[in-house]
Amino acid sequence: MSAPKELYRKTVWEKLREVAKPDSRFHFDFSHFIP
């Protein structure tokens, strides 16, 4: 049951990486971003 969640999460992260900009306050921690 966790497989679909992980697939969705991976898909969302891949799309976020295309548009997310790292915030220097987080030292390029891509789990925190400014849209």
PDB file of N, CA and C in Angstrom:
ATOM      1  N   MET A   1       0.820  -1.205   0.000  1.00  0.00           N
ATOM      2  CA  MET A   1       0.000   0.000   0.000  1.00  0.00           C
ATOM      3  C   MET A   1       0.859   1.262   0.000  1.00  0.00           C
ATOM      4  N   SER A   2       2.079   1.186   0.495  1.00  0.00           N
ATOM      5  CA  SER A   2       2.933   2.373   0.526  1.00  0.00           C
ATOM      6  C   SER A   2       3.570   2.667  -0.833  1.00  0.00           C
ATOM      7  N   ALA A   3       3.583   1.681  -1.730  1.00  0.00           N
ATOM      8  CA  ALA A   3       4.219   1.884  -3.029  1.00  0.00           C
ATOM      9  C   ALA A   3       3.597   3.038  -3.818  1.00  0.00           C
ATOM     10  N   PRO A   4       2.257   3.126  -3.938  1.00  0.00           N
ATOM     11  CA  PRO A   4       1.696   4.265  -4.684  1.00  0.00           C
ATOM     12  C   PRO A   4       2.056   5.611  -4.050  1.00  0.00           C
ATOM     13  N   LYS A   5       2.075   5.685  -2.723  1.00  0.00           N
ATOM     14  CA  LYS A   5       2.445   6.941  -2.064  1.00  0.00           C
ATOM     15  C   LYS A   5       3.869   7.325  -2.424  1.00  0.00           C
ATOM     16  N   GLU A   6       4.759   6.351  -2.409  1.00  0.00           N
ATOM     17  CA  GLU A   6       6.157   6.644  -2.739  1.00  0.00           C
ATOM     18  C   GLU A   6       6.291   7.074  -4.196  1.00  0.00           C
ATOM     19  N   LEU A   7       5.504   6.457  -5.068  1.00  0.00           N
ATOM     20  CA  LEU A   7       5.544   6.834  -6.477  1.00  0.00           C
ATOM     21  C   LEU A   7       5.061   8.272  -6.659  1.00  0.00           C
ATOM     22  N   TYR A   8       3.957   8.619  -5.995  1.00  0.00           N
ATOM     23  CA  TYR A   8       3.451   9.992  -6.081  1.00  0.00           C
ATOM     24  C   TYR A   8       4.464  10.978  -5.520  1.00  0.00           C
ATOM     25  N   ARG A   9       5.053  10.623  -4.386  1.00  0.00           N
ATOM     26  CA  ARG A   9       6.035  11.510  -3.756  1.00  0.00           C
ATOM     27  C   ARG A   9       7.216  11.737  -4.696  1.00  0.00           C
ATOM     28  N   LYS A  10       7.698  10.663  -5.310  1.00  0.00           N
ATOM     29  CA  LYS A  10       8.832  10.789  -6.229  1.00  0.00           C
ATOM     30  C   LYS A  10       8.465  11.679  -7.415  1.00  0.00           C
ATOM     31  N   THR A  11       7.269  11.483  -7.949  1.00  0.00           N
ATOM     32  CA  THR A  11       6.825  12.290  -9.081  1.00  0.00           C
ATOM     33  C   THR A  11       6.737  13.762  -8.702  1.00  0.00           C
ATOM     34  N   VAL A  12       6.160  14.040  -7.543  1.00  0.00           N
ATOM     35  CA  VAL A  12       6.033  15.427  -7.091  1.00  0.00           C
ATOM     36  C   VAL A  12       7.402  16.051  -6.885  1.00  0.00           C
ATOM     37  N   TRP A  13       8.327  15.322  -6.246  1.00  0.00           N
ATOM     38  CA  TRP A  13       9.671  15.866  -6.008  1.00  0.00           C
ATOM     39  C   TRP A  13      10.371  16.171  -7.323  1.00  0.00           C
ATOM     40  N   GLU A  14      10.189  15.290  -8.322  1.00  0.00           N
ATOM     41  CA  GLU A  14      10.847  15.537  -9.608  1.00  0.00           C
ATOM     42  C   GLU A  14      10.312  16.811 -10.245  1.00  0.00           C
ATOM     43  N   LYS A  15       9.009  17.030 -10.139  1.00  0.00           N
ATOM     44  CA  LYS A  15       8.425  18.250 -10.709  1.00  0.00           C
ATOM     45  C   LYS A  15       8.841  19.483  -9.904  1.00  0.00           C
ATOM     46  N   LEU A  16       8.913  19.343  -8.597  1.00  0.00           N
ATOM     47  CA  LEU A  16       9.328  20.471  -7.764  1.00  0.00           C
ATOM     48  C   LEU A  16      10.761  20.881  -8.061  1.00  0.00           C
ATOM     49  N   ARG A  17      11.620  19.907  -8.308  1.00  0.00           N
ATOM     50  CA  ARG A  17      13.030  20.228  -8.578  1.00  0.00           C
ATOM     51  C   ARG A  17      13.181  21.104  -9.806  1.00  0.00           C
ATOM     52  N   GLU A  18      12.237  20.973 -10.753  1.00  0.00           N
ATOM     53  CA  GLU A  18      12.320  21.772 -11.971  1.00  0.00           C
ATOM     54  C   GLU A  18      12.031  23.245 -11.698  1.00  0.00           C
ATOM     55  N   VAL A  19      11.203  23.531 -10.696  1.00  0.00           N
ATOM     56  CA  VAL A  19      10.763  24.907 -10.473  1.00  0.00           C
ATOM     57  C   VAL A  19      11.186  25.488  -9.132  1.00  0.00           C
ATOM     58  N   ALA A  20      11.548  24.639  -8.189  1.00  0.00           N
ATOM     59  CA  ALA A  20      11.897  25.124  -6.851  1.00  0.00           C
ATOM     60  C   ALA A  20      13.249  25.827  -6.879  1.00  0.00           C
ATOM     61  N   LYS A  21      13.351  26.876  -6.085  1.00  0.00           N
ATOM     62  CA  LYS A  21      14.615  27.595  -5.968  1.00  0.00           C
ATOM     63  C   LYS A  21      15.135  27.408  -4.553  1.00  0.00           C
ATOM     64  N   PRO A  22      16.380  27.005  -4.417  1.00  0.00           N
ATOM     65  CA  PRO A  22      16.929  26.820  -3.078  1.00  0.00           C
ATOM     66  C   PRO A  22      16.996  28.146  -2.329  1.00  0.00           C
ATOM     67  N   ASP A  23      16.744  28.092  -1.068  1.00  0.00           N
ATOM     68  CA  ASP A  23      16.811  29.274  -0.212  1.00  0.00           C
ATOM     69  C   ASP A  23      18.099  29.166   0.593  1.00  0.00           C
ATOM     70  N   SER A  24      18.960  30.147   0.483  1.00  0.00           N
ATOM     71  CA  SER A  24      20.265  30.071   1.142  1.00  0.00           C
ATOM     72  C   SER A  24      20.146  29.919   2.653  1.00  0.00           C
ATOM     73  N   ARG A  25      19.006  30.310   3.218  1.00  0.00           N
ATOM     74  CA  ARG A  25      18.829  30.144   4.664  1.00  0.00           C
ATOM     75  C   ARG A  25      18.819  28.667   5.045  1.00  0.00           C
ATOM     76  N   PHE A  26      18.498  27.808   4.076  1.00  0.00           N
ATOM     77  CA  PHE A  26      18.449  26.370   4.352  1.00  0.00           C
ATOM     78  C   PHE A  26      19.669  25.650   3.779  1.00  0.00           C
ATOM     79  N   HIS A  27      20.647  26.406   3.322  1.00  0.00           N
ATOM     80  CA  HIS A  27      21.902  25.828   2.819  1.00  0.00           C
ATOM     81  C   HIS A  27      21.650  24.795   1.733  1.00  0.00           C
ATOM     82  N   PHE A  28      20.827  25.156   0.774  1.00  0.00           N
ATOM     83  CA  PHE A  28      20.518  24.303  -0.364  1.00  0.00           C
ATOM     84  C   PHE A  28      19.855  22.994   0.041  1.00  0.00           C
ATOM     85  N   ASP A  29      19.088  23.027   1.097  1.00  0.00           N
ATOM     86  CA  ASP A  29      18.293  21.867   1.513  1.00  0.00           C
ATOM     87  C   ASP A  29      17.018  21.899   0.686  1.00  0.00           C
ATOM     88  N   PHE A  30      16.913  21.026  -0.304  1.00  0.00           N
ATOM     89  CA  PHE A  30      15.787  21.066  -1.219  1.00  0.00           C
ATOM     90  C   PHE A  30      14.485  20.567  -0.607  1.00  0.00           C
ATOM     91  N   SER A  31      14.510  20.158   0.652  1.00  0.00           N
ATOM     92  CA  SER A  31      13.247  19.808   1.291  1.00  0.00           C
ATOM     93  C   SER A  31      12.550  21.077   1.771  1.00  0.00           C
ATOM     94  N   HIS A  32      13.244  22.228   1.700  1.00  0.00           N
ATOM     95  CA  HIS A  32      12.657  23.527   2.001  1.00  0.00           C
ATOM     96  C   HIS A  32      12.860  24.393   0.768  1.00  0.00           C
ATOM     97  N   PHE A  33      11.792  24.962   0.262  1.00  0.00           N
ATOM     98  CA  PHE A  33      11.936  25.765  -0.939  1.00  0.00           C
ATOM     99  C   PHE A  33      10.959  26.923  -0.929  1.00  0.00           C
ATOM    100  N   ILE A  34      11.231  27.902  -1.756  1.00  0.00           N
ATOM    101  CA  ILE A  34      10.341  29.040  -1.953  1.00  0.00           C
ATOM    102  C   ILE A  34       9.751  28.898  -3.345  1.00  0.00           C
ATOM    103  N   PRO A  35       8.436  28.763  -3.462  1.00  0.00           N
ATOM    104  CA  PRO A  35       7.820  28.587  -4.792  1.00  0.00           C
ATOM    105  C   PRO A  35       7.938  29.843  -5.640  1.00  0.00           C
TER     106      PRO A  35
END
